[in-house]
């Protein structure tokens, strides 16, 4: 296994690890071009998730629904390797078990570990996938040094702009975003952007990375899809190249506010707004878009149980989550570099 420190960038964005009670670590395989990112909540955090893409690969998202019994999560992973990458979770479970962290069943403490995967088998060695050992290494890495962006962790094999076929795609990666509220509450996001569509700047509409034709040095504009430009890839009945199950944008939003499971879910729904602002098109049948939200409660109790005050708190955190997510998506495509012959924005002089 080769570490990717030389390819990662400590960017200007704030980091999810600045949220109290959160640690982030990465591990990767340079030869296989895959990796894993781990977000640890070792003291436990209330968590929920929303899955909106049509082709997800996830673990324990049912358990994070508000009506289900277990309230806290101890770790979340974002992984390459497609469905094979879900197996890496065992490394996180082993790490947490060794530290005596988990849901107390009376006979054993069971770590609650959720996660999601991206498809990166097409740009590296398809036989190389994140393993439990890599996930364990990522846990060991958590909390050590700066949290990087770009070609790091699960972002190593990420690409964007595949709507017209893989011959037009660009390199993407992992990005960070962070917002601190006037109350002192922190909201951070880490996103792995492996989207079918383009990444655009929400304020200007400028395409930052996506379907790019090197012969004309122009973007093909995925949100104005024209199947006649689709190249030589296999085409479905609707004229779209067959990229089923090969795309997704996955991420974690963390806050040190004290929230309930239902409130975390509402923040996750709001956070999707940030994804929709920066990725076009988004939530397609070919993407597995998933966002996890965890609340560590380290900022204190917050407002009383008054419904109006609670709703205002959730709205404020949700608005911050939207901003953090869109910042993280932009960071993912501006911090990465070319890899495996796939061009990145910074290397094209865009």
Protein backbone atom coordinates (compact mmCIF):
# COMPACT_ATOMS: atom_id res chain seq x y z
CA UNK A 1 0.00 0.00 0.00
CA UNK A 2 1.27 3.48 -0.85
CA UNK A 3 0.28 6.61 1.01
CA UNK A 4 -0.81 9.56 -1.10
CA UNK A 5 0.45 12.46 0.97
CA UNK A 6 2.32 13.94 -2.01
CA UNK A 7 -0.88 14.17 -4.04
CA UNK A 8 -3.06 15.73 -1.35
CA UNK A 9 -3.37 19.42 -0.58
CA UNK A 10 -4.01 21.12 2.71
CA UNK A 11 -6.48 23.61 1.29
CA UNK A 12 -7.88 26.95 2.39
CA UNK A 13 -11.27 25.56 3.36
CA UNK A 14 -12.08 24.82 6.97
CA UNK A 15 -12.12 21.16 7.91
CA UNK A 16 -14.71 18.81 9.33
CA UNK A 17 -12.10 17.81 11.92
CA UNK A 18 -12.50 21.27 13.47
CA UNK A 19 -15.88 20.08 14.75
CA UNK A 20 -15.46 19.05 18.38
CA UNK A 21 -15.66 15.28 18.85
CA UNK A 22 -14.68 14.43 15.25
CA UNK A 23 -11.50 12.82 13.92
CA UNK A 24 -10.77 12.13 10.24
CA UNK A 25 -8.25 9.74 8.72
CA UNK A 26 -7.34 8.44 5.27
CA UNK A 27 -5.61 5.49 3.65
CA UNK A 28 -5.08 4.68 0.00
CA UNK A 29 -3.45 2.45 -2.59
CA UNK A 30 -1.60 4.43 -5.25
CA UNK A 31 -1.08 1.50 -7.57
CA UNK A 32 -4.68 0.34 -7.47
CA UNK A 33 -5.99 3.94 -7.36
CA UNK A 34 -8.46 3.52 -4.55
CA UNK A 35 -8.80 4.59 -0.94
CA UNK A 36 -10.90 5.07 2.15
CA UNK A 37 -11.75 7.98 4.46
CA UNK A 38 -12.92 7.44 8.03
CA UNK A 39 -14.84 9.91 10.21
CA UNK A 40 -14.64 8.82 13.85
CA UNK A 41 -17.00 9.87 16.65
CA UNK A 42 -15.31 7.96 19.46
CA UNK A 43 -17.52 9.43 22.19
CA UNK A 44 -20.60 8.58 20.15
CA UNK A 45 -22.70 10.95 18.07
CA UNK A 46 -26.36 11.08 17.17
CA UNK A 47 -26.59 10.31 13.47
CA UNK A 48 -28.87 10.00 10.50
CA UNK A 49 -28.56 9.74 6.73
CA UNK A 50 -30.41 10.44 3.51
CA UNK A 51 -29.92 8.34 0.37
CA UNK A 52 -31.30 10.00 -2.76
CA UNK A 53 -29.30 8.58 -5.66
CA UNK A 54 -30.73 5.69 -7.64
CA UNK A 55 -27.65 3.44 -7.38
CA UNK A 56 -26.33 3.56 -3.81
CA UNK A 57 -23.85 1.31 -2.04
CA UNK A 58 -24.28 1.76 1.70
CA UNK A 59 -23.98 0.15 5.14
CA UNK A 60 -26.26 0.66 8.18
CA UNK A 61 -28.33 3.48 6.68
CA UNK A 62 -31.53 1.74 7.84
CA UNK A 63 -30.26 1.81 11.42
CA UNK A 64 -29.84 5.59 11.17
CA UNK A 65 -33.51 6.20 10.40
CA UNK A 66 -35.22 8.21 13.16
CA UNK A 67 -37.69 5.46 14.11
CA UNK A 68 -34.99 2.84 14.70
CA UNK A 69 -33.69 2.05 18.19
CA UNK A 70 -29.94 2.73 18.14
CA UNK A 71 -29.33 6.47 18.55
CA UNK A 72 -25.57 6.85 18.25
CA UNK A 73 -22.96 6.11 15.64
CA UNK A 74 -19.22 5.72 16.34
CA UNK A 75 -17.74 5.85 12.86
CA UNK A 76 -18.64 6.59 9.26
CA UNK A 77 -16.56 5.62 6.25
CA UNK A 78 -16.43 6.81 2.66
CA UNK A 79 -14.76 4.24 0.46
CA UNK A 80 -13.74 3.36 -3.04
CA UNK A 81 -14.06 -0.16 -4.40
CA UNK A 82 -17.79 -0.11 -5.21
CA UNK A 83 -19.71 -2.77 -3.22
CA UNK A 84 -16.43 -4.55 -2.50
CA UNK A 85 -15.41 -1.53 -0.42
CA UNK A 86 -18.19 -2.14 2.10
CA UNK A 87 -16.11 -5.01 3.47
CA UNK A 88 -13.53 -2.49 4.71
CA UNK A 89 -15.89 -1.54 7.55
CA UNK A 90 -14.61 -4.49 9.58
CA UNK A 91 -11.31 -2.69 10.06
CA UNK A 92 -13.10 0.25 11.69
CA UNK A 93 -15.17 -2.07 13.85
CA UNK A 94 -12.01 -3.85 15.02
CA UNK A 95 -10.27 -0.57 15.82
CA UNK A 96 -13.20 0.73 17.86
CA UNK A 97 -13.72 -2.61 19.62
CA UNK A 98 -10.09 -2.59 20.74
CA UNK A 99 -10.71 0.80 22.33
CA UNK A 100 -13.84 -0.40 24.11
CA UNK A 101 -16.10 1.83 22.01
CA UNK A 102 -19.57 0.77 20.95
CA UNK A 103 -23.23 0.23 21.76
CA UNK A 104 -23.38 -1.53 25.11
CA UNK A 105 -25.41 -4.72 24.75
CA UNK A 106 -24.55 -5.94 28.24
CA UNK A 107 -22.29 -8.70 26.95
CA UNK A 108 -20.21 -6.71 24.48
CA UNK A 109 -19.83 -3.21 23.14
CA UNK A 110 -20.78 -3.24 19.46
CA UNK A 111 -19.36 -0.36 17.38
CA UNK A 112 -21.96 1.22 15.11
CA UNK A 113 -20.25 1.95 11.81
CA UNK A 114 -22.10 3.26 8.77
CA UNK A 115 -20.76 4.19 5.36
CA UNK A 116 -21.06 4.46 1.62
CA UNK A 117 -18.92 3.63 -1.41
CA UNK A 118 -18.06 5.04 -4.81
CA UNK A 119 -17.26 3.14 -8.01
CA UNK A 120 -13.60 3.66 -8.86
CA UNK A 121 -12.82 0.28 -10.40
CA UNK A 122 -12.63 1.72 -13.89
CA UNK A 123 -9.58 3.97 -13.54
CA UNK A 124 -7.18 1.80 -11.53
CA UNK A 125 -6.75 -1.91 -10.98
CA UNK A 126 -10.28 -3.32 -10.58
CA UNK A 127 -8.87 -6.07 -8.36
CA UNK A 128 -7.66 -3.50 -5.81
CA UNK A 129 -10.26 -2.38 -3.29
CA UNK A 130 -10.08 -0.85 0.18
CA UNK A 131 -9.54 -3.61 2.74
CA UNK A 132 -10.18 -3.88 6.48
CA UNK A 133 -6.44 -3.32 7.01
CA UNK A 134 -6.62 -0.06 5.04
CA UNK A 135 -9.63 1.04 7.08
CA UNK A 136 -7.76 0.24 10.29
CA UNK A 137 -4.82 2.32 9.04
CA UNK A 138 -7.22 5.19 8.29
CA UNK A 139 -8.45 5.01 11.89
CA UNK A 140 -4.85 5.12 13.13
CA UNK A 141 -4.31 8.16 10.90
CA UNK A 142 -7.34 9.98 12.30
CA UNK A 143 -6.52 13.09 14.26
CA UNK A 144 -2.89 13.23 13.10
CA UNK A 145 -1.98 16.43 11.27
CA UNK A 146 -4.09 18.41 8.83
CA UNK A 147 -7.10 17.07 7.00
CA UNK A 148 -6.22 17.20 3.31
CA UNK A 149 -8.24 17.66 0.14
CA UNK A 150 -7.93 16.37 -3.41
CA UNK A 151 -6.41 12.99 -4.27
CA UNK A 152 -6.62 11.56 -0.79
CA UNK A 153 -8.57 8.77 0.89
CA UNK A 154 -11.77 7.85 -0.91
CA UNK A 155 -11.16 10.72 -3.33
CA UNK A 156 -8.18 9.01 -4.98
CA UNK A 157 -10.30 7.32 -7.65
CA UNK A 158 -13.06 9.93 -7.97
CA UNK A 159 -14.02 11.42 -11.35
CA UNK A 160 -16.80 13.66 -12.67
CA UNK A 161 -18.51 14.48 -15.96
CA UNK A 162 -19.35 10.99 -17.26
CA UNK A 163 -22.72 11.72 -18.80
CA UNK A 164 -21.29 11.76 -22.34
CA UNK A 165 -19.09 8.73 -21.68
CA UNK A 166 -15.83 8.09 -19.78
CA UNK A 167 -13.68 9.52 -22.58
CA UNK A 168 -14.79 13.02 -21.52
CA UNK A 169 -14.53 12.69 -17.74
CA UNK A 170 -12.25 14.73 -15.48
CA UNK A 171 -10.48 13.99 -12.22
CA UNK A 172 -12.17 14.87 -8.96
CA UNK A 173 -11.38 14.02 -5.37
CA UNK A 174 -12.24 14.65 -1.74
CA UNK A 175 -13.18 18.11 -0.47
CA UNK A 176 -13.80 19.90 2.81
CA UNK A 177 -16.12 22.68 3.90
CA UNK A 178 -16.65 24.40 7.24
CA UNK A 179 -18.94 27.02 8.75
CA UNK A 180 -18.89 28.41 12.30
CA UNK A 181 -22.08 30.01 13.55
CA UNK A 182 -22.17 33.13 15.73
CA UNK A 183 -23.34 30.92 18.59
CA UNK A 184 -20.04 29.02 18.40
CA UNK A 185 -21.58 25.90 16.86
CA UNK A 186 -19.42 24.33 14.15
CA UNK A 187 -20.68 22.63 11.00
CA UNK A 188 -18.21 20.79 8.76
CA UNK A 189 -18.45 18.61 5.70
CA UNK A 190 -16.24 16.14 3.85
CA UNK A 191 -17.43 15.07 0.39
CA UNK A 192 -16.19 12.55 -2.16
CA UNK A 193 -17.35 13.73 -5.57
CA UNK A 194 -17.68 10.98 -8.18
CA UNK A 195 -20.64 12.43 -10.05
CA UNK A 196 -22.20 11.64 -13.42
CA UNK A 197 -22.64 15.38 -13.99
CA UNK A 198 -20.57 18.55 -13.88
CA UNK A 199 -19.43 20.53 -10.85
CA UNK A 200 -20.36 24.20 -11.21
CA UNK A 201 -19.74 27.27 -9.10
CA UNK A 202 -23.14 28.04 -7.55
CA UNK A 203 -22.63 31.81 -7.62
CA UNK A 204 -21.51 32.18 -11.25
CA UNK A 205 -22.72 29.03 -12.98
CA UNK A 206 -19.17 28.45 -14.26
CA UNK A 207 -18.32 24.80 -14.85
CA UNK A 208 -15.31 23.93 -12.71
CA UNK A 209 -14.95 20.30 -13.79
CA UNK A 210 -17.03 17.85 -15.76
CA UNK A 211 -17.53 16.49 -19.25
CA UNK A 212 -14.61 18.05 -21.12
CA UNK A 213 -13.68 17.68 -24.79
CA UNK A 214 -9.89 18.01 -25.04
CA UNK A 215 -10.06 18.45 -28.83
CA UNK A 216 -12.06 21.66 -28.51
CA UNK A 217 -10.98 22.55 -24.94
CA UNK A 218 -14.64 23.08 -24.10
CA UNK A 219 -17.08 21.64 -21.59
CA UNK A 220 -20.01 19.71 -23.06
CA UNK A 221 -22.42 20.97 -20.35
CA UNK A 222 -24.10 17.95 -18.79
CA UNK A 223 -27.21 19.87 -17.76
CA UNK A 224 -27.83 20.59 -21.45
CA UNK A 225 -27.33 16.98 -22.45
CA UNK A 226 -27.31 16.18 -26.17
CA UNK A 227 -26.96 12.46 -26.82
CA UNK A 228 -25.55 13.15 -30.30
CA UNK A 229 -22.31 14.15 -28.56
CA UNK A 230 -22.24 10.97 -26.54
CA UNK A 231 -19.22 9.40 -28.20
CA UNK A 232 -18.75 5.69 -28.73
CA UNK A 233 -19.88 4.31 -25.38
CA UNK A 234 -22.80 1.91 -25.05
CA UNK A 235 -26.02 3.86 -25.19
CA UNK A 236 -29.24 3.14 -23.31
CA UNK A 237 -32.70 3.48 -24.84
CA UNK A 238 -32.80 7.12 -23.76
CA UNK A 239 -29.54 7.94 -25.51
CA UNK A 240 -27.37 8.16 -22.38
CA UNK A 241 -24.12 6.13 -22.28
CA UNK A 242 -24.44 3.18 -19.91
CA UNK A 243 -22.75 4.39 -16.72
CA UNK A 244 -25.13 2.63 -14.32
CA UNK A 245 -23.79 2.28 -10.78
CA UNK A 246 -20.49 4.01 -11.59
CA UNK A 247 -21.19 7.42 -10.08
CA UNK A 248 -22.05 8.94 -6.76
CA UNK A 249 -21.34 11.84 -4.45
CA UNK A 250 -21.11 10.75 -0.83
CA UNK A 251 -20.22 12.67 2.28
CA UNK A 252 -20.52 13.43 5.97
CA UNK A 253 -21.78 16.58 7.65
CA UNK A 254 -20.80 16.94 11.30
CA UNK A 255 -21.85 19.46 13.91
CA UNK A 256 -21.02 19.84 17.59
CA UNK A 257 -24.60 20.93 18.31
CA UNK A 258 -26.88 18.69 20.33
CA UNK A 259 -29.50 17.31 17.93
CA UNK A 260 -31.96 14.46 17.91
CA UNK A 261 -31.96 11.76 15.25
CA UNK A 262 -34.95 13.37 13.52
CA UNK A 263 -33.21 16.76 13.56
CA UNK A 264 -30.09 15.19 12.06
CA UNK A 265 -32.19 13.79 9.26
CA UNK A 266 -33.69 17.22 8.57
CA UNK A 267 -30.18 18.71 8.41
CA UNK A 268 -29.21 15.93 5.97
CA UNK A 269 -32.18 16.80 3.75
CA UNK A 270 -31.20 20.47 3.82
CA UNK A 271 -27.57 19.59 3.12
CA UNK A 272 -28.68 18.00 -0.14
CA UNK A 273 -29.49 21.53 -1.27
CA UNK A 274 -25.76 22.29 -1.28
CA UNK A 275 -25.17 19.25 -3.46
CA UNK A 276 -27.85 20.34 -5.89
CA UNK A 277 -26.33 23.81 -6.11
CA UNK A 278 -22.90 22.49 -7.11
CA UNK A 279 -23.52 19.28 -9.12
CA UNK A 280 -25.59 19.27 -12.32
CA UNK A 281 -27.42 17.02 -12.95
CA UNK A 282 -27.68 15.38 -9.55
CA UNK A 283 -29.68 12.56 -7.88
CA UNK A 284 -29.91 10.63 -11.17
CA UNK A 285 -30.76 6.91 -11.48
CA UNK A 286 -27.05 6.35 -12.17
CA UNK A 287 -25.75 8.11 -9.01
CA UNK A 288 -25.79 6.81 -5.43
CA UNK A 289 -25.82 10.21 -3.73
CA UNK A 290 -25.80 9.83 0.07
CA UNK A 291 -25.19 12.24 2.95
CA UNK A 292 -24.65 11.30 6.59
CA UNK A 293 -25.12 13.79 9.44
CA UNK A 294 -23.66 13.36 12.92
CA UNK A 295 -24.12 15.62 15.96
CA UNK A 296 -21.58 15.24 18.76
CA UNK A 297 -23.31 17.53 21.27
CA UNK A 298 -19.94 18.99 22.35
CA UNK A 299 -21.24 22.57 22.00
CA UNK A 300 -23.70 22.13 24.85
CA UNK A 301 -27.40 21.55 25.28
CA UNK A 302 -28.71 24.34 23.04
CA UNK A 303 -32.27 25.68 23.21
CA UNK A 304 -35.01 24.21 25.34
CA UNK A 305 -37.56 21.78 23.99
CA UNK A 306 -39.66 24.68 22.73
CA UNK A 307 -40.65 23.61 19.21
CA UNK A 308 -40.07 27.01 17.66
CA UNK A 309 -36.60 27.42 19.12
CA UNK A 310 -35.62 23.89 18.14
CA UNK A 311 -36.83 24.44 14.57
CA UNK A 312 -34.85 27.68 14.34
CA UNK A 313 -31.69 25.89 15.53
CA UNK A 314 -32.14 23.08 13.01
CA UNK A 315 -32.76 25.57 10.21
CA UNK A 316 -29.61 27.52 11.07
CA UNK A 317 -27.51 24.36 11.13
CA UNK A 318 -29.12 23.12 7.93
CA UNK A 319 -28.32 26.37 6.11
CA UNK A 320 -24.72 26.08 7.29
CA UNK A 321 -24.66 22.45 6.14
CA UNK A 322 -25.75 23.51 2.64
CA UNK A 323 -22.89 25.97 2.47
CA UNK A 324 -20.36 23.50 3.87
CA UNK A 325 -21.41 20.83 1.37
CA UNK A 326 -21.17 23.09 -1.64
CA UNK A 327 -17.77 24.36 -0.45
CA UNK A 328 -16.59 20.77 -0.07
CA UNK A 329 -17.76 19.83 -3.58
CA UNK A 330 -15.90 22.80 -5.08
CA UNK A 331 -12.83 21.95 -3.00
CA UNK A 332 -12.88 18.38 -4.30
CA UNK A 333 -12.43 19.41 -7.94
CA UNK A 334 -10.10 22.36 -7.38
CA UNK A 335 -7.71 20.59 -4.99
CA UNK A 336 -7.21 17.38 -7.01
CA UNK A 337 -4.57 16.69 -9.63
CA UNK A 338 -4.49 14.57 -12.78
CA UNK A 339 -4.13 10.83 -12.25
CA UNK A 340 -4.17 7.77 -14.52
CA UNK A 341 -4.29 10.02 -17.58
CA UNK A 342 -7.48 11.72 -16.42
CA UNK A 343 -7.09 15.51 -16.51
CA UNK A 344 -7.79 17.73 -13.51
CA UNK A 345 -8.87 21.33 -13.60
CA UNK A 346 -5.64 22.66 -12.16
CA UNK A 347 -3.60 20.93 -14.86
CA UNK A 348 -5.66 22.27 -17.79
CA UNK A 349 -5.14 25.92 -16.97
CA UNK A 350 -8.88 26.47 -16.56
